[in-house]
Amino acid sequence: MSTRAASYTLVLSAGAGFDEPGIIRHGRGYGLRVDARTRAIQTLRNDPELSPLRRSLDSYYGHPERDTAMDELYAQFVRAGDLVFDVGAHVGDRVGSFRRLGARVVAVEPQPLCVRALRALYVDDDRVTAVEAACGARSGVVELHVNSANPTVSTASSHFLRAADGAGGWEGEVWDSTIEVRCVSLDGLIAEHGEPAFVKIDVEGFEDAVLTGLSRALPALSFEFTTIERPLARRCLDRLVALGFTGFNVALGDDMALTFPGWLSAEAVAAHLDALPHAANSGDVYCVS
């Protein structure tokens, strides 16, 4: 098994993160003017048509300490010049981290409002490609269940809806509409954009379908798990072992840090996930080949 501890430098003329004025320079000569990004975020927050995204924008932007922790986590897997797939990009905070590390990013997101936000945030960045689509087992069309009040948990998985129904911590979540969206596969994305060094998958219970659409091991990827669907996490682990992934670790919630000092077997991580209390809610499994 292998993973790469990338070195990187963030040089800020004022503050840290995208929400402070100044310039970020890193990677191979990459630079973004932060005040333009800040203005774009504020414009999105003030757009009444994008009001469902306001909570996400407030949660994921404007927190320099979180940005720093995120960069340190992903620097273990991403180097300047790498290609990264962000599957379930939502409003692009992880895209921001991958770009701060100097990577080229393909951001896959099916929700029209989120894609609108992504394109507004990265309109000046030719190293970010926004793909308006879900990701699944094969190319085609899927039905997306939309949570208008909390779009971050919109899902293409009917199993996820059943698991969330009545579950502690999910009270009040309502998926109030459905839309048909284009679906792509990881293999299809690789054929079009190249092989990524890292793939982040966060698709609310559709992770196993996404991995079904992958036919090879990659250097590293992560997938989200929830305590309401632990069997899904085990299916994902089984699939990844079959593909040739050999090392596994966990980051709980929004901690931005790996739980274990070394890489574990899939079985050990599955046992760890099974033992978590329901209140742990969610996190990400990191996998290397």
C-alpha atoms as a PDB file:
ATOM      1  CA  MET A   1       0.000   0.000   0.000  1.00  0.00           C
ATOM      2  CA  SER A   2       1.153   3.546  -0.506  1.00  0.00           C
ATOM      3  CA  THR A   3       0.078   7.092   0.123  1.00  0.00           C
ATOM      4  CA  ARG A   4       1.836  10.292  -0.647  1.00  0.00           C
ATOM      5  CA  ALA A   5       2.662  12.952   1.905  1.00  0.00           C
ATOM      6  CA  ALA A   6       2.756  15.967  -0.353  1.00  0.00           C
ATOM      7  CA  SER A   7       4.560  19.141   0.570  1.00  0.00           C
ATOM      8  CA  TYR A   8       2.864  22.449  -0.087  1.00  0.00           C
ATOM      9  CA  THR A   9       3.082  26.079   0.893  1.00  0.00           C
ATOM     10  CA  LEU A  10       0.311  28.573   1.478  1.00  0.00           C
ATOM     11  CA  VAL A  11       1.452  32.183   1.354  1.00  0.00           C
ATOM     12  CA  LEU A  12      -1.209  34.707   2.266  1.00  0.00           C
ATOM     13  CA  SER A  13      -0.843  38.442   1.996  1.00  0.00           C
ATOM     14  CA  ALA A  14      -3.561  38.811   4.611  1.00  0.00           C
ATOM     15  CA  GLY A  15      -5.167  36.150   6.787  1.00  0.00           C
ATOM     16  CA  ALA A  16      -5.812  32.591   5.689  1.00  0.00           C
ATOM     17  CA  GLY A  17      -8.356  30.823   3.535  1.00  0.00           C
ATOM     18  CA  PHE A  18     -10.435  32.054   0.626  1.00  0.00           C
ATOM     19  CA  ASP A  19     -12.365  34.567   2.675  1.00  0.00           C
ATOM     20  CA  GLU A  20      -9.540  36.964   3.485  1.00  0.00           C
ATOM     21  CA  PRO A  21      -8.262  39.651   1.112  1.00  0.00           C
ATOM     22  CA  GLY A  22      -4.980  38.917  -0.594  1.00  0.00           C
ATOM     23  CA  ILE A  23      -3.419  36.338  -2.848  1.00  0.00           C
ATOM     24  CA  ILE A  24      -2.849  32.645  -2.296  1.00  0.00           C
ATOM     25  CA  ARG A  25       0.241  31.301  -4.012  1.00  0.00           C
ATOM     26  CA  HIS A  26       1.229  27.657  -3.982  1.00  0.00           C
ATOM     27  CA  GLY A  27       1.847  24.609  -6.098  1.00  0.00           C
ATOM     28  CA  ARG A  28       3.397  25.422  -9.463  1.00  0.00           C
ATOM     29  CA  GLY A  29       2.868  29.139  -9.738  1.00  0.00           C
ATOM     30  CA  TYR A  30      -0.844  28.947  -9.087  1.00  0.00           C
ATOM     31  CA  GLY A  31      -2.468  32.080  -7.690  1.00  0.00           C
ATOM     32  CA  LEU A  32      -6.020  33.219  -6.957  1.00  0.00           C
ATOM     33  CA  ARG A  33      -7.102  36.663  -5.883  1.00  0.00           C
ATOM     34  CA  VAL A  34      -9.024  35.977  -2.702  1.00  0.00           C
ATOM     35  CA  ASP A  35     -11.048  39.173  -2.600  1.00  0.00           C
ATOM     36  CA  ALA A  36     -12.768  38.127  -5.867  1.00  0.00           C
ATOM     37  CA  ARG A  37     -13.696  34.766  -4.329  1.00  0.00           C
ATOM     38  CA  THR A  38     -14.986  36.521  -1.216  1.00  0.00           C
ATOM     39  CA  ARG A  39     -17.166  38.805  -3.311  1.00  0.00           C
ATOM     40  CA  ALA A  40     -18.535  35.819  -5.217  1.00  0.00           C
ATOM     41  CA  ILE A  41     -19.461  34.051  -1.975  1.00  0.00           C
ATOM     42  CA  GLN A  42     -21.209  37.164  -0.669  1.00  0.00           C
ATOM     43  CA  THR A  43     -23.104  37.538  -3.942  1.00  0.00           C
ATOM     44  CA  LEU A  44     -24.280  33.938  -3.663  1.00  0.00           C
ATOM     45  CA  ARG A  45     -25.367  34.469  -0.056  1.00  0.00           C
ATOM     46  CA  ASN A  46     -27.419  37.497  -1.097  1.00  0.00           C
ATOM     47  CA  ASP A  47     -29.099  35.846  -4.090  1.00  0.00           C
ATOM     48  CA  PRO A  48     -32.691  34.965  -3.065  1.00  0.00           C
ATOM     49  CA  GLU A  49     -32.832  32.158  -5.629  1.00  0.00           C
ATOM     50  CA  LEU A  50     -29.887  30.528  -3.848  1.00  0.00           C
ATOM     51  CA  SER A  51     -31.292  30.921  -0.330  1.00  0.00           C
ATOM     52  CA  PRO A  52     -31.409  27.102   0.158  1.00  0.00           C
ATOM     53  CA  LEU A  53     -27.601  27.118  -0.081  1.00  0.00           C
ATOM     54  CA  ARG A  54     -27.052  29.870   2.476  1.00  0.00           C
ATOM     55  CA  ARG A  55     -26.566  27.477   5.394  1.00  0.00           C
ATOM     56  CA  SER A  56     -23.963  25.524   3.431  1.00  0.00           C
ATOM     57  CA  LEU A  57     -22.145  28.680   2.357  1.00  0.00           C
ATOM     58  CA  ASP A  58     -22.071  29.895   5.967  1.00  0.00           C
ATOM     59  CA  SER A  59     -20.877  26.499   7.237  1.00  0.00           C
ATOM     60  CA  TYR A  60     -18.185  25.851   4.664  1.00  0.00           C
ATOM     61  CA  TYR A  61     -16.730  29.284   3.913  1.00  0.00           C
ATOM     62  CA  GLY A  62     -15.172  31.899   6.160  1.00  0.00           C
ATOM     63  CA  HIS A  63     -13.443  29.505   8.580  1.00  0.00           C
ATOM     64  CA  PRO A  64      -9.653  29.697   8.062  1.00  0.00           C
ATOM     65  CA  GLU A  65      -8.843  27.109  10.740  1.00  0.00           C
ATOM     66  CA  ARG A  66     -11.103  24.576   9.026  1.00  0.00           C
ATOM     67  CA  ASP A  67      -9.482  25.345   5.676  1.00  0.00           C
ATOM     68  CA  THR A  68      -6.021  24.765   7.122  1.00  0.00           C
ATOM     69  CA  ALA A  69      -7.020  21.438   8.689  1.00  0.00           C
ATOM     70  CA  MET A  70      -8.644  20.347   5.437  1.00  0.00           C
ATOM     71  CA  ASP A  71      -5.532  21.203   3.445  1.00  0.00           C
ATOM     72  CA  GLU A  72      -3.328  19.263   5.858  1.00  0.00           C
ATOM     73  CA  LEU A  73      -5.586  16.216   5.540  1.00  0.00           C
ATOM     74  CA  TYR A  74      -5.738  16.247   1.748  1.00  0.00           C
ATOM     75  CA  ALA A  75      -2.024  17.026   1.375  1.00  0.00           C
ATOM     76  CA  GLN A  76      -1.450  13.383   2.316  1.00  0.00           C
ATOM     77  CA  PHE A  77      -3.053  12.400  -0.993  1.00  0.00           C
ATOM     78  CA  VAL A  78      -2.812  15.370  -3.368  1.00  0.00           C
ATOM     79  CA  ARG A  79       0.210  17.081  -4.902  1.00  0.00           C
ATOM     80  CA  ALA A  80       0.458  20.158  -7.083  1.00  0.00           C
ATOM     81  CA  GLY A  81      -0.361  19.200 -10.657  1.00  0.00           C
ATOM     82  CA  ASP A  82      -2.483  16.173  -9.704  1.00  0.00           C
ATOM     83  CA  LEU A  83      -5.961  15.538 -11.039  1.00  0.00           C
ATOM     84  CA  VAL A  84      -8.720  15.186  -8.413  1.00  0.00           C
ATOM     85  CA  PHE A  85     -12.364  14.189  -8.846  1.00  0.00           C
ATOM     86  CA  ASP A  86     -14.766  15.759  -6.331  1.00  0.00           C
ATOM     87  CA  VAL A  87     -17.893  13.612  -6.647  1.00  0.00           C
ATOM     88  CA  GLY A  88     -20.730  15.352  -4.848  1.00  0.00           C
ATOM     89  CA  ALA A  89     -19.004  18.732  -4.858  1.00  0.00           C
ATOM     90  CA  HIS A  90     -21.987  20.606  -3.353  1.00  0.00           C
ATOM     91  CA  VAL A  91     -20.835  24.254  -2.968  1.00  0.00           C
ATOM     92  CA  GLY A  92     -17.173  23.557  -3.556  1.00  0.00           C
ATOM     93  CA  ASP A  93     -15.341  23.919  -0.247  1.00  0.00           C
ATOM     94  CA  ARG A  94     -13.327  20.754  -0.968  1.00  0.00           C
ATOM     95  CA  VAL A  95     -12.691  22.021  -4.485  1.00  0.00           C
ATOM     96  CA  GLY A  96     -11.130  25.045  -2.806  1.00  0.00           C
ATOM     97  CA  SER A  97      -8.818  22.843  -0.761  1.00  0.00           C
ATOM     98  CA  PHE A  98      -7.720  20.819  -3.780  1.00  0.00           C
ATOM     99  CA  ARG A  99      -6.999  24.038  -5.672  1.00  0.00           C
ATOM    100  CA  ARG A 100      -5.008  25.460  -2.750  1.00  0.00           C
ATOM    101  CA  LEU A 101      -2.899  22.318  -3.020  1.00  0.00           C
ATOM    102  CA  GLY A 102      -2.366  23.042  -6.715  1.00  0.00           C
ATOM    103  CA  ALA A 103      -4.503  20.242  -8.158  1.00  0.00           C
ATOM    104  CA  ARG A 104      -6.697  20.282 -11.239  1.00  0.00           C
ATOM    105  CA  VAL A 105     -10.283  19.445 -10.220  1.00  0.00           C
ATOM    106  CA  VAL A 106     -13.259  17.854 -11.928  1.00  0.00           C
ATOM    107  CA  ALA A 107     -16.242  18.735  -9.713  1.00  0.00           C
ATOM    108  CA  VAL A 108     -19.273  16.479 -10.244  1.00  0.00           C
ATOM    109  CA  GLU A 109     -22.570  17.770  -8.852  1.00  0.00           C
ATOM    110  CA  PRO A 110     -26.168  17.049  -9.958  1.00  0.00           C
ATOM    111  CA  GLN A 111     -28.074  19.853  -8.219  1.00  0.00           C
ATOM    112  CA  PRO A 112     -28.621  22.864 -10.496  1.00  0.00           C
ATOM    113  CA  LEU A 113     -28.365  25.413  -7.671  1.00  0.00           C
ATOM    114  CA  CYS A 114     -25.085  23.930  -6.469  1.00  0.00           C
ATOM    115  CA  VAL A 115     -23.678  23.851  -9.992  1.00  0.00           C
ATOM    116  CA  ARG A 116     -24.632  27.492 -10.368  1.00  0.00           C
ATOM    117  CA  ALA A 117     -22.706  28.266  -7.177  1.00  0.00           C
ATOM    118  CA  LEU A 118     -19.680  26.230  -8.302  1.00  0.00           C
ATOM    119  CA  ARG A 119     -19.529  28.010 -11.634  1.00  0.00           C
ATOM    120  CA  ALA A 120     -19.828  31.408  -9.974  1.00  0.00           C
ATOM    121  CA  LEU A 121     -17.031  30.602  -7.528  1.00  0.00           C
ATOM    122  CA  TYR A 122     -14.640  29.165 -10.103  1.00  0.00           C
ATOM    123  CA  VAL A 123     -15.572  31.097 -13.238  1.00  0.00           C
ATOM    124  CA  ASP A 124     -12.040  32.542 -13.399  1.00  0.00           C
ATOM    125  CA  ASP A 125     -10.280  29.203 -12.850  1.00  0.00           C
ATOM    126  CA  ASP A 126      -9.592  27.098 -15.928  1.00  0.00           C
ATOM    127  CA  ARG A 127      -8.289  24.257 -13.744  1.00  0.00           C
ATOM    128  CA  VAL A 128     -11.761  23.562 -12.335  1.00  0.00           C
ATOM    129  CA  THR A 129     -14.262  21.719 -14.528  1.00  0.00           C
ATOM    130  CA  ALA A 130     -17.846  21.561 -13.248  1.00  0.00           C
ATOM    131  CA  VAL A 131     -19.806  18.531 -14.485  1.00  0.00           C
ATOM    132  CA  GLU A 132     -23.556  18.870 -13.924  1.00  0.00           C
ATOM    133  CA  ALA A 133     -24.420  15.237 -13.284  1.00  0.00           C
ATOM    134  CA  ALA A 134     -24.831  12.560 -10.680  1.00  0.00           C
ATOM    135  CA  CYS A 135     -22.233   9.796 -10.558  1.00  0.00           C
ATOM    136  CA  GLY A 136     -23.308   6.175 -10.488  1.00  0.00           C
ATOM    137  CA  ALA A 137     -22.802   2.692 -11.840  1.00  0.00           C
ATOM    138  CA  ARG A 138     -23.246   3.682 -15.485  1.00  0.00           C
ATOM    139  CA  SER A 139     -23.969   6.608 -17.743  1.00  0.00           C
ATOM    140  CA  GLY A 140     -27.603   7.532 -18.235  1.00  0.00           C
ATOM    141  CA  VAL A 141     -30.278   9.261 -16.178  1.00  0.00           C
ATOM    142  CA  VAL A 142     -31.155   8.894 -12.485  1.00  0.00           C
ATOM    143  CA  GLU A 143     -33.845  10.320 -10.239  1.00  0.00           C
ATOM    144  CA  LEU A 144     -32.530  12.733  -7.618  1.00  0.00           C
ATOM    145  CA  HIS A 145     -34.540  13.216  -4.418  1.00  0.00           C
ATOM    146  CA  VAL A 146     -34.113  16.866  -3.474  1.00  0.00           C
ATOM    147  CA  ASN A 147     -34.198  18.227   0.065  1.00  0.00           C
ATOM    148  CA  SER A 148     -35.000  21.860  -0.672  1.00  0.00           C
ATOM    149  CA  ALA A 149     -34.356  23.054   2.878  1.00  0.00           C
ATOM    150  CA  ASN A 150     -31.080  21.143   3.232  1.00  0.00           C
ATOM    151  CA  PRO A 151     -29.680  20.415  -0.243  1.00  0.00           C
ATOM    152  CA  THR A 152     -26.513  18.850   1.173  1.00  0.00           C
ATOM    153  CA  VAL A 153     -28.505  15.640   1.838  1.00  0.00           C
ATOM    154  CA  SER A 154     -30.240  15.399  -1.536  1.00  0.00           C
ATOM    155  CA  THR A 155     -29.739  11.861  -2.805  1.00  0.00           C
ATOM    156  CA  ALA A 156     -30.202   9.466  -5.701  1.00  0.00           C
ATOM    157  CA  SER A 157     -30.645   6.554  -3.262  1.00  0.00           C
ATOM    158  CA  SER A 158     -34.136   5.447  -2.253  1.00  0.00           C
ATOM    159  CA  HIS A 159     -32.482   3.137   0.308  1.00  0.00           C
ATOM    160  CA  PHE A 160     -30.974   6.204   1.976  1.00  0.00           C
ATOM    161  CA  LEU A 161     -34.419   7.792   2.287  1.00  0.00           C
ATOM    162  CA  ARG A 162     -35.776   4.680   3.994  1.00  0.00           C
ATOM    163  CA  ALA A 163     -32.787   4.520   6.351  1.00  0.00           C
ATOM    164  CA  ALA A 164     -33.192   8.180   7.319  1.00  0.00           C
ATOM    165  CA  ASP A 165     -36.943   7.907   7.924  1.00  0.00           C
ATOM    166  CA  GLY A 166     -37.452   8.090  11.692  1.00  0.00           C
ATOM    167  CA  ALA A 167     -33.735   7.787  12.479  1.00  0.00           C
ATOM    168  CA  GLY A 168     -32.296   9.789  15.342  1.00  0.00           C
ATOM    169  CA  GLY A 169     -30.565  12.914  14.120  1.00  0.00           C
ATOM    170  CA  TRP A 170     -32.541  12.942  10.879  1.00  0.00           C
ATOM    171  CA  GLU A 171     -35.820  14.224  12.272  1.00  0.00           C
ATOM    172  CA  GLY A 172     -37.360  16.966  10.189  1.00  0.00           C
ATOM    173  CA  GLU A 173     -35.442  16.169   7.009  1.00  0.00           C
ATOM    174  CA  VAL A 174     -37.859  16.212   4.076  1.00  0.00           C
ATOM    175  CA  TRP A 175     -37.090  15.235   0.500  1.00  0.00           C
ATOM    176  CA  ASP A 176     -39.838  17.250  -1.118  1.00  0.00           C
ATOM    177  CA  SER A 177     -39.224  16.942  -4.849  1.00  0.00           C
ATOM    178  CA  THR A 178     -37.528  14.792  -7.470  1.00  0.00           C
ATOM    179  CA  ILE A 179     -35.710  15.707 -10.644  1.00  0.00           C
ATOM    180  CA  GLU A 180     -34.172  13.605 -13.383  1.00  0.00           C
ATOM    181  CA  VAL A 181     -30.466  14.291 -13.818  1.00  0.00           C
ATOM    182  CA  ARG A 182     -27.717  13.057 -16.083  1.00  0.00           C
ATOM    183  CA  CYS A 183     -25.552  10.308 -14.602  1.00  0.00           C
ATOM    184  CA  VAL A 184     -21.897   9.590 -15.363  1.00  0.00           C
ATOM    185  CA  SER A 185     -19.573   6.853 -14.117  1.00  0.00           C
ATOM    186  CA  LEU A 186     -16.080   7.093 -12.681  1.00  0.00           C
ATOM    187  CA  ASP A 187     -14.799   5.017 -15.591  1.00  0.00           C
ATOM    188  CA  GLY A 188     -16.435   7.484 -17.971  1.00  0.00           C
ATOM    189  CA  LEU A 189     -14.894  10.452 -16.171  1.00  0.00           C
ATOM    190  CA  ILE A 190     -11.478   8.780 -16.324  1.00  0.00           C
ATOM    191  CA  ALA A 191     -11.881   8.175 -20.056  1.00  0.00           C
ATOM    192  CA  GLU A 192     -12.703  11.855 -20.582  1.00  0.00           C
ATOM    193  CA  HIS A 193     -10.424  13.620 -18.097  1.00  0.00           C
ATOM    194  CA  GLY A 194      -7.658  11.157 -17.194  1.00  0.00           C
ATOM    195  CA  GLU A 195      -6.845   9.073 -14.132  1.00  0.00           C
ATOM    196  CA  PRO A 196      -7.116  10.998 -10.849  1.00  0.00           C
ATOM    197  CA  ALA A 197      -4.653  10.822  -7.989  1.00  0.00           C
ATOM    198  CA  PHE A 198      -7.560  11.172  -5.549  1.00  0.00           C
ATOM    199  CA  VAL A 199     -11.349  10.887  -5.657  1.00  0.00           C
ATOM    200  CA  LYS A 200     -13.612  12.323  -2.961  1.00  0.00           C
ATOM    201  CA  ILE A 201     -17.068  10.698  -2.926  1.00  0.00           C
ATOM    202  CA  ASP A 202     -19.889  12.216  -0.865  1.00  0.00           C
ATOM    203  CA  VAL A 203     -23.235  11.304  -2.398  1.00  0.00           C
ATOM    204  CA  GLU A 204     -25.621  10.531   0.480  1.00  0.00           C
ATOM    205  CA  GLY A 205     -26.043   6.781   0.281  1.00  0.00           C
ATOM    206  CA  PHE A 206     -25.185   6.356  -3.403  1.00  0.00           C
ATOM    207  CA  GLU A 207     -21.514   5.583  -2.743  1.00  0.00           C
ATOM    208  CA  ASP A 208     -21.824   1.892  -3.616  1.00  0.00           C
ATOM    209  CA  ALA A 209     -23.308   2.762  -7.003  1.00  0.00           C
ATOM    210  CA  VAL A 210     -20.453   5.184  -7.666  1.00  0.00           C
ATOM    211  CA  LEU A 211     -17.882   2.492  -6.864  1.00  0.00           C
ATOM    212  CA  THR A 212     -19.685  -0.003  -9.094  1.00  0.00           C
ATOM    213  CA  GLY A 213     -18.826   2.367 -11.929  1.00  0.00           C
ATOM    214  CA  LEU A 214     -15.095   2.070 -11.197  1.00  0.00           C
ATOM    215  CA  SER A 215     -13.161  -0.863 -12.660  1.00  0.00           C
ATOM    216  CA  ARG A 216      -9.618  -0.214 -11.426  1.00  0.00           C
ATOM    217  CA  ALA A 217      -7.700   0.721  -8.306  1.00  0.00           C
ATOM    218  CA  LEU A 218      -6.611   4.357  -8.025  1.00  0.00           C
ATOM    219  CA  PRO A 219      -3.882   5.807  -5.801  1.00  0.00           C
ATOM    220  CA  ALA A 220      -6.408   7.009  -3.191  1.00  0.00           C
ATOM    221  CA  LEU A 221     -10.046   7.861  -2.629  1.00  0.00           C
ATOM    222  CA  SER A 222     -12.499   8.615   0.155  1.00  0.00           C
ATOM    223  CA  PHE A 223     -16.173   7.796   0.535  1.00  0.00           C
ATOM    224  CA  GLU A 224     -18.703   9.036   3.063  1.00  0.00           C
ATOM    225  CA  PHE A 225     -20.379   6.678   5.510  1.00  0.00           C
ATOM    226  CA  THR A 226     -23.333   7.213   7.835  1.00  0.00           C
ATOM    227  CA  THR A 227     -24.360   5.283  10.920  1.00  0.00           C
ATOM    228  CA  ILE A 228     -27.855   4.845   9.462  1.00  0.00           C
ATOM    229  CA  GLU A 229     -26.396   2.778   6.589  1.00  0.00           C
ATOM    230  CA  ARG A 230     -23.469   0.763   7.920  1.00  0.00           C
ATOM    231  CA  PRO A 231     -24.088  -2.181   5.546  1.00  0.00           C
ATOM    232  CA  LEU A 232     -23.522   0.209   2.649  1.00  0.00           C
ATOM    233  CA  ALA A 233     -20.075   1.062   4.017  1.00  0.00           C
ATOM    234  CA  ARG A 234     -19.223  -2.633   4.190  1.00  0.00           C
ATOM    235  CA  ARG A 235     -20.337  -3.115   0.576  1.00  0.00           C
ATOM    236  CA  CYS A 236     -18.103  -0.226  -0.428  1.00  0.00           C
ATOM    237  CA  LEU A 237     -15.158  -1.722   1.436  1.00  0.00           C
ATOM    238  CA  ASP A 238     -15.720  -5.113  -0.194  1.00  0.00           C
ATOM    239  CA  ARG A 239     -15.822  -3.473  -3.612  1.00  0.00           C
ATOM    240  CA  LEU A 240     -12.610  -1.545  -2.973  1.00  0.00           C
ATOM    241  CA  VAL A 241     -10.766  -4.664  -1.801  1.00  0.00           C
ATOM    242  CA  ALA A 242     -11.876  -6.428  -4.984  1.00  0.00           C
ATOM    243  CA  LEU A 243     -10.492  -3.526  -7.021  1.00  0.00           C
ATOM    244  CA  GLY A 244      -7.110  -3.759  -5.294  1.00  0.00           C
ATOM    245  CA  PHE A 245      -7.213  -1.163  -2.520  1.00  0.00           C
ATOM    246  CA  THR A 246      -5.194  -2.364   0.467  1.00  0.00           C
ATOM    247  CA  GLY A 247      -5.158   0.293   3.199  1.00  0.00           C
ATOM    248  CA  PHE A 248      -8.052   1.977   4.981  1.00  0.00           C
ATOM    249  CA  ASN A 249      -8.573   4.690   7.603  1.00  0.00           C
ATOM    250  CA  VAL A 250     -11.398   6.820   8.972  1.00  0.00           C
ATOM    251  CA  ALA A 251     -12.098  10.491   9.618  1.00  0.00           C
ATOM    252  CA  LEU A 252     -15.141  11.097  11.813  1.00  0.00           C
ATOM    253  CA  GLY A 253     -17.587  13.892  11.154  1.00  0.00           C
ATOM    254  CA  ASP A 254     -15.879  17.099  10.097  1.00  0.00           C
ATOM    255  CA  ASP A 255     -12.710  16.392  12.095  1.00  0.00           C
ATOM    256  CA  MET A 256     -10.339  16.662   9.106  1.00  0.00           C
ATOM    257  CA  ALA A 257      -7.965  14.141  10.686  1.00  0.00           C
ATOM    258  CA  LEU A 258      -7.422  10.416  10.269  1.00  0.00           C
ATOM    259  CA  THR A 259      -8.424   8.367  13.309  1.00  0.00           C
ATOM    260  CA  PHE A 260      -5.657   5.754  13.155  1.00  0.00           C
ATOM    261  CA  PRO A 261      -1.895   6.378  12.909  1.00  0.00           C
ATOM    262  CA  GLY A 262      -1.499   3.712  10.223  1.00  0.00           C
ATOM    263  CA  TRP A 263      -3.477   2.015   7.484  1.00  0.00           C
ATOM    264  CA  LEU A 264      -5.799  -0.811   8.531  1.00  0.00           C
ATOM    265  CA  SER A 265      -7.413  -3.710   6.726  1.00  0.00           C
ATOM    266  CA  ALA A 266     -10.905  -3.305   5.324  1.00  0.00           C
ATOM    267  CA  GLU A 267     -12.206  -5.778   7.900  1.00  0.00           C
ATOM    268  CA  ALA A 268     -10.711  -3.778  10.775  1.00  0.00           C
ATOM    269  CA  VAL A 269     -12.283  -0.568   9.502  1.00  0.00           C
ATOM    270  CA  ALA A 270     -15.641  -2.292   8.981  1.00  0.00           C
ATOM    271  CA  ALA A 271     -15.521  -3.503  12.590  1.00  0.00           C
ATOM    272  CA  HIS A 272     -14.679   0.020  13.753  1.00  0.00           C
ATOM    273  CA  LEU A 273     -17.638   1.476  11.854  1.00  0.00           C
ATOM    274  CA  ASP A 274     -19.973  -1.203  13.237  1.00  0.00           C
ATOM    275  CA  ALA A 275     -18.890  -0.298  16.786  1.00  0.00           C
ATOM    276  CA  LEU A 276     -19.485   3.446  16.434  1.00  0.00           C
ATOM    277  CA  PRO A 277     -22.420   4.877  18.383  1.00  0.00           C
ATOM    278  CA  HIS A 278     -25.379   6.027  16.330  1.00  0.00           C
ATOM    279  CA  ALA A 279     -24.639   9.601  17.417  1.00  0.00           C
ATOM    280  CA  ALA A 280     -21.339   9.522  15.502  1.00  0.00           C
ATOM    281  CA  ASN A 281     -23.612  10.080  12.500  1.00  0.00           C
ATOM    282  CA  SER A 282     -21.137  10.217   9.631  1.00  0.00           C
ATOM    283  CA  GLY A 283     -17.585  10.501   8.429  1.00  0.00           C
ATOM    284  CA  ASP A 284     -15.333   9.402   5.610  1.00  0.00           C
ATOM    285  CA  VAL A 285     -13.351   6.255   4.893  1.00  0.00           C
ATOM    286  CA  TYR A 286      -9.976   6.894   3.229  1.00  0.00           C
ATOM    287  CA  CYS A 287      -8.546   4.185   1.010  1.00  0.00           C
ATOM    288  CA  VAL A 288      -5.167   3.685  -0.680  1.00  0.00           C
ATOM    289  CA  SER A 289      -3.857   1.093  -3.090  1.00  0.00           C
END
